[in-house]
Every structure is written in structure tokens, then in C-alpha cells.
Amino acid sequence: MDCFQWLKGIILHKDAIKLSITLWWVWRFRNNMLFTAEPWTISVVRRKVTLSMVENNVYNAKRCLGDESTRWRPPEHPWVKLNTDGSWLTGSYAMGMGGAIRDWTGMWRGGFSRGTLHGDALRAELLALEDGLTCCWEGGFRKVRCECDCLGAAMLFQERSMDRDYLHNHYDVIRRIKRLLARDWVVYVSHIPREINSVAHTLANWGVRNIGSNVFWRSPPEFVLLQLGKDSMS
């Protein structure tokens, strides 16, 4: 066996982390013997190795939990998932709305992009939600999990009552969305981190750069394939 194969075998071994931690503390043990007046005992080194292994396991567990929370997930059968996003340009007050509908296998079932003027960031998010729900209803989907990365927009629809909606600046859009939600179907609206919403974000950015556009994407456009690929890997 040559040196490369030997080293590769060590690196890929299931106990490689344990070996690395042990070697680290053996090296520290050697330095302690040479440079301090109170050298460690073997039991001290063994304890430090054990503690480091525990810390490493805790770190890996937390990292796995973090990975799970920052990945796009398809819905369960027979639901579809609607991801929406709004984009807004401060100087021109231009708004872009975008969204994608995917089924329980992650397959594309439709998407949209739209660009218009005279709005703000929250209005763009609400209009994107309205456009997406309309696409789902017209597409015949009756079990929809809707996700957006705007907490303010998502919170507006946790309560379906319309009693105080008239006080909101965007009462007109909120009222239309709640009327959509009141139809004979099941829709859940929830908030997600922005990094999980990259497909809808890209579609909304296309809309804000193409004012006057109103496109329904029956198949995914080329400019969103990279984001779709990342989602499919999850």
C-alpha cells in the first residue's frame, strides 16, 4: 500500500474524527510535559478526549437541525406548495411579484411573474400571495401550503376575521386574499426564512425588471433552473 492510499484510508475511516481529537490531545499532553511544571496524567488526557468528542457530537447535531430548517421541502401527498415573494425598488416604487407551485414530488406545476408600479414592499408581498393563490385555485389545487418570507404578510392571515382589516393601508388586497382563503379549499399560510424562498425571489426579481409583464410559466424558465436544482438536492 502506498502512502496516498494509507492516508486516504485514515481520512475516510469512520473513526477519523476520534483519531484526530486523540492525536490533538496527545500533542497537547506532550507540550504540557515539556513546558509546564505540572504535567497531565493519562486519565486527564482521556477525559479531555471524551469531552471533545461530546462537544463535537453536540455541534454536529445542532448543524443538522440548522440544515433541516434551511432547506425547501416538498409537501406531503396530495398537497401542493406555493412559494411567493415580492420585490420592490425604492427609487421608482416598482413592484415585482413572483411565485412557484410544486407538488409532493417537487415537480413544477406552474409559476408566475408580474411587474407593476406604485407600491411598497409589503404591497408587493401581498399581491404576490394573491396572484399565487389565484393560480392555485384556477389550476384546480384544493390543498395548498403557501410559504412566503415576509413575516408581516404571513401574520395577517393567521386570523381569518375581517373585522379590523379596513384600518390597514393595504385593506383592498388583504380583503381579496381573505375572500380567496374563504373558498371551499384548504390553505395554510406560513413564514419561512428567505434562503428557502430563492425560486420565488428570482421570479419576483424578473417581474420588477419587466414592468407591465404578467407571465404564467407553464414550465420553469431558464433563469430559475439553478435555484430549482438547489431545492431538488434537499
Protein backbone atom coordinates (compact mmCIF):
# COMPACT_ATOMS: atom_id res chain seq x y z
CA MET A 1 0.00 0.00 0.00
CA ASP A 2 1.44 3.38 -0.98
CA CYS A 3 1.42 6.45 1.26
CA PHE A 4 -1.53 8.06 -0.55
CA GLN A 5 -3.79 5.04 -0.09
CA TRP A 6 -2.76 4.75 3.55
CA LEU A 7 -3.57 8.41 4.21
CA LYS A 8 -6.86 8.15 2.29
CA GLY A 9 -7.85 5.15 4.39
CA ILE A 10 -7.28 7.13 7.59
CA ILE A 11 -9.21 10.20 6.39
CA LEU A 12 -12.21 8.18 5.21
CA HIS A 13 -12.30 5.87 8.23
CA LYS A 14 -15.47 6.04 10.33
CA ASP A 15 -13.38 6.91 13.42
CA ALA A 16 -11.28 9.60 11.71
CA ILE A 17 -12.70 12.37 13.93
CA LYS A 18 -11.99 10.39 17.07
CA LEU A 19 -8.43 9.74 15.90
CA SER A 20 -7.90 13.43 15.10
CA ILE A 21 -9.16 14.53 18.51
CA THR A 22 -6.99 11.93 20.26
CA LEU A 23 -3.87 12.99 18.36
CA TRP A 24 -4.58 16.63 19.19
CA TRP A 25 -4.73 15.93 22.93
CA VAL A 26 -1.67 13.64 22.79
CA TRP A 27 0.24 16.52 21.21
CA ARG A 28 -1.07 18.87 23.93
CA PHE A 29 -0.05 16.27 26.54
CA ARG A 30 3.49 16.20 25.13
CA ASN A 31 3.73 20.02 25.18
CA ASN A 32 2.39 20.08 28.72
CA MET A 33 5.10 17.66 29.84
CA LEU A 34 7.85 19.78 28.26
CA PHE A 35 6.75 23.30 29.14
CA THR A 36 4.79 23.21 32.41
CA ALA A 37 5.66 22.31 35.97
CA GLU A 38 2.51 20.22 36.48
CA PRO A 39 2.24 17.60 33.71
CA TRP A 40 -1.10 15.96 32.99
CA THR A 41 -1.83 12.36 33.87
CA ILE A 42 -3.12 9.87 31.30
CA SER A 43 -6.57 9.98 32.93
CA VAL A 44 -6.69 13.76 32.38
CA VAL A 45 -5.89 13.30 28.69
CA ARG A 46 -8.54 10.58 28.38
CA ARG A 47 -11.12 12.89 29.98
CA LYS A 48 -10.25 15.74 27.61
CA VAL A 49 -10.63 13.42 24.61
CA THR A 50 -14.05 12.30 25.86
CA LEU A 51 -15.23 15.88 26.45
CA SER A 52 -14.07 16.93 22.98
CA MET A 53 -15.97 14.01 21.42
CA VAL A 54 -19.13 15.06 23.26
CA GLU A 55 -18.71 18.68 22.11
CA ASN A 56 -18.21 17.51 18.53
CA ASN A 57 -21.37 15.37 18.65
CA VAL A 58 -23.40 18.29 20.03
CA TYR A 59 -22.05 20.59 17.31
CA ASN A 60 -22.95 18.09 14.57
CA ALA A 61 -26.45 17.63 15.99
CA LYS A 62 -27.05 21.40 16.02
CA ARG A 63 -25.70 21.72 12.49
CA CYS A 64 -28.07 19.01 11.25
CA LEU A 65 -31.01 20.80 12.87
CA GLY A 66 -29.91 24.03 11.21
CA ASP A 67 -29.64 22.32 7.82
CA GLU A 68 -33.13 20.87 8.17
CA SER A 69 -34.61 24.29 8.92
CA THR A 70 -32.93 25.96 5.93
CA ARG A 71 -33.99 23.56 3.20
CA TRP A 72 -37.00 23.71 0.94
CA ARG A 73 -39.23 20.68 1.48
CA PRO A 74 -41.99 19.38 -0.80
CA PRO A 75 -45.43 18.99 0.78
CA GLU A 76 -46.98 15.67 1.66
CA HIS A 77 -49.28 13.93 -0.82
CA PRO A 78 -51.72 15.18 -2.17
CA TRP A 79 -50.88 18.79 -1.29
CA VAL A 80 -49.06 21.36 -3.41
CA LYS A 81 -46.71 24.01 -2.11
CA LEU A 82 -46.93 27.61 -3.24
CA ASN A 83 -43.90 29.83 -2.63
CA THR A 84 -44.39 33.55 -3.23
CA ASP A 85 -42.24 36.65 -2.96
CA GLY A 86 -42.45 40.36 -3.67
CA SER A 87 -39.72 42.71 -4.84
CA TRP A 88 -39.73 46.49 -4.57
CA LEU A 89 -37.42 49.21 -5.91
CA THR A 90 -37.28 52.22 -3.59
CA GLY A 91 -36.48 54.90 -6.15
CA SER A 92 -39.08 54.02 -8.78
CA TYR A 93 -41.68 52.38 -6.49
CA ALA A 94 -41.72 49.50 -8.95
CA MET A 95 -43.03 46.18 -7.66
CA GLY A 96 -42.32 42.65 -8.81
CA MET A 97 -44.36 39.61 -7.81
CA GLY A 98 -43.34 36.01 -8.33
CA GLY A 99 -44.16 32.52 -7.20
CA ALA A 100 -43.93 28.82 -7.95
CA ILE A 101 -46.27 25.88 -7.41
CA ARG A 102 -44.74 22.44 -6.85
CA ASP A 103 -46.29 19.13 -5.88
CA TRP A 104 -45.30 16.45 -3.35
CA THR A 105 -42.60 15.11 -5.69
CA GLY A 106 -41.10 18.58 -6.16
CA MET A 107 -42.42 18.70 -9.73
CA TRP A 108 -43.16 22.12 -11.22
CA ARG A 109 -46.90 22.72 -11.53
CA GLY A 110 -46.76 26.37 -12.55
CA GLY A 111 -45.19 29.71 -11.78
CA PHE A 112 -45.75 33.39 -12.36
CA SER A 113 -44.01 36.75 -12.60
CA ARG A 114 -45.58 40.19 -12.75
CA GLY A 115 -44.28 43.74 -12.68
CA THR A 116 -46.16 46.93 -11.90
CA LEU A 117 -45.67 50.44 -10.49
CA HIS A 118 -46.88 52.46 -7.50
CA GLY A 119 -46.44 50.33 -4.41
CA ASP A 120 -44.26 49.40 -1.49
CA ALA A 121 -42.53 46.29 -0.16
CA LEU A 122 -45.49 44.90 1.80
CA ARG A 123 -47.94 45.53 -1.02
CA ALA A 124 -45.65 43.61 -3.37
CA GLU A 125 -45.64 40.65 -0.95
CA LEU A 126 -49.43 40.72 -0.63
CA LEU A 127 -50.01 40.97 -4.38
CA ALA A 128 -47.65 38.03 -4.91
CA LEU A 129 -49.67 35.99 -2.43
CA GLU A 130 -52.92 36.97 -4.16
CA ASP A 131 -51.53 36.09 -7.59
CA GLY A 132 -50.22 32.75 -6.35
CA LEU A 133 -53.47 31.74 -4.65
CA THR A 134 -55.41 32.70 -7.78
CA CYS A 135 -53.12 30.50 -9.88
CA CYS A 136 -53.63 27.59 -7.47
CA TRP A 137 -57.41 27.95 -7.49
CA GLU A 138 -57.60 28.22 -11.27
CA GLY A 139 -55.25 25.24 -11.55
CA GLY A 140 -57.66 23.07 -9.58
CA PHE A 141 -55.47 22.64 -6.50
CA ARG A 142 -57.56 22.37 -3.34
CA LYS A 143 -54.92 21.60 -0.72
CA VAL A 144 -52.25 24.29 -0.68
CA ARG A 145 -49.39 25.06 1.67
CA CYS A 146 -48.31 28.61 0.98
CA GLU A 147 -44.93 29.93 2.12
CA CYS A 148 -43.54 33.46 1.99
CA ASP A 149 -40.51 35.08 3.60
CA CYS A 150 -42.37 38.21 4.78
CA LEU A 151 -43.46 37.70 8.38
CA GLY A 152 -45.72 40.76 8.27
CA ALA A 153 -47.66 39.36 5.33
CA ALA A 154 -47.93 35.84 6.75
CA MET A 155 -49.18 37.07 10.14
CA LEU A 156 -52.07 38.93 8.51
CA PHE A 157 -53.67 35.62 7.56
CA GLN A 158 -53.24 33.64 10.75
CA GLU A 159 -56.58 35.14 11.75
CA ARG A 160 -59.27 34.97 9.05
CA SER A 161 -61.53 37.63 10.61
CA MET A 162 -62.03 40.82 8.55
CA ASP A 163 -63.20 43.00 11.45
CA ARG A 164 -60.19 45.34 11.61
CA ASP A 165 -58.76 44.94 8.11
CA TYR A 166 -60.22 48.27 6.98
CA LEU A 167 -57.64 50.03 9.19
CA HIS A 168 -54.75 48.66 7.14
CA ASN A 169 -53.10 50.64 4.32
CA HIS A 170 -53.50 47.64 2.03
CA TYR A 171 -57.03 46.77 3.03
CA ASP A 172 -58.09 46.21 -0.59
CA VAL A 173 -55.55 43.42 -1.21
CA ILE A 174 -55.99 41.86 2.25
CA ARG A 175 -59.76 41.68 1.74
CA ARG A 176 -59.36 40.00 -1.66
CA ILE A 177 -56.92 37.44 -0.24
CA LYS A 178 -59.19 36.59 2.68
CA ARG A 179 -62.07 36.10 0.29
CA LEU A 180 -59.87 33.71 -1.67
CA LEU A 181 -58.98 31.84 1.52
CA ALA A 182 -62.67 31.55 2.44
CA ARG A 183 -63.43 29.46 -0.65
CA ASP A 184 -64.03 25.71 -0.50
CA TRP A 185 -60.44 24.58 -0.14
CA VAL A 186 -57.72 24.15 2.50
CA VAL A 187 -54.88 26.69 2.54
CA TYR A 188 -52.20 27.25 5.16
CA VAL A 189 -50.05 30.38 5.00
CA SER A 190 -46.73 30.28 6.84
CA HIS A 191 -43.49 32.23 7.13
CA ILE A 192 -40.13 30.76 6.08
CA PRO A 193 -36.52 32.03 6.02
CA ARG A 194 -35.53 33.93 2.89
CA GLU A 195 -32.87 31.38 1.91
CA ILE A 196 -35.57 28.72 1.37
CA ASN A 197 -37.54 31.04 -0.91
CA SER A 198 -34.96 31.56 -3.66
CA VAL A 199 -37.15 30.31 -6.53
CA ALA A 200 -39.98 32.77 -5.80
CA HIS A 201 -37.43 35.51 -5.10
CA THR A 202 -35.84 35.04 -8.53
CA LEU A 203 -39.23 35.11 -10.27
CA ALA A 204 -40.20 38.30 -8.42
CA ASN A 205 -36.91 39.96 -9.37
CA TRP A 206 -37.63 39.17 -13.01
CA GLY A 207 -41.02 40.85 -12.61
CA VAL A 208 -39.63 44.05 -11.09
CA ARG A 209 -37.19 44.34 -14.01
CA ASN A 210 -40.01 43.87 -16.53
CA ILE A 211 -42.69 46.40 -15.62
CA GLY A 212 -46.00 45.66 -17.31
CA SER A 213 -45.27 41.94 -17.53
CA ASN A 214 -47.76 39.31 -16.37
CA VAL A 215 -46.44 35.85 -17.21
CA PHE A 216 -47.61 32.39 -16.20
CA TRP A 217 -44.69 29.97 -16.51
CA ARG A 218 -46.09 26.57 -17.53
CA SER A 219 -42.55 25.20 -17.36
CA PRO A 220 -39.70 26.68 -15.32
CA PRO A 221 -37.82 29.47 -17.14
CA GLU A 222 -34.09 29.06 -17.63
CA PHE A 223 -33.15 31.81 -15.19
CA VAL A 224 -34.65 29.88 -12.27
CA LEU A 225 -33.18 26.43 -13.01
CA LEU A 226 -30.20 26.90 -10.67
CA GLN A 227 -32.46 27.65 -7.70
CA LEU A 228 -34.73 24.73 -8.58
CA GLY A 229 -31.70 22.46 -8.71
CA LYS A 230 -30.63 23.52 -5.23
CA ASP A 231 -34.12 22.83 -3.89
CA SER A 232 -34.24 19.41 -5.55
CA MET A 233 -30.99 18.45 -3.80
CA SER A 234 -32.74 18.90 -0.44
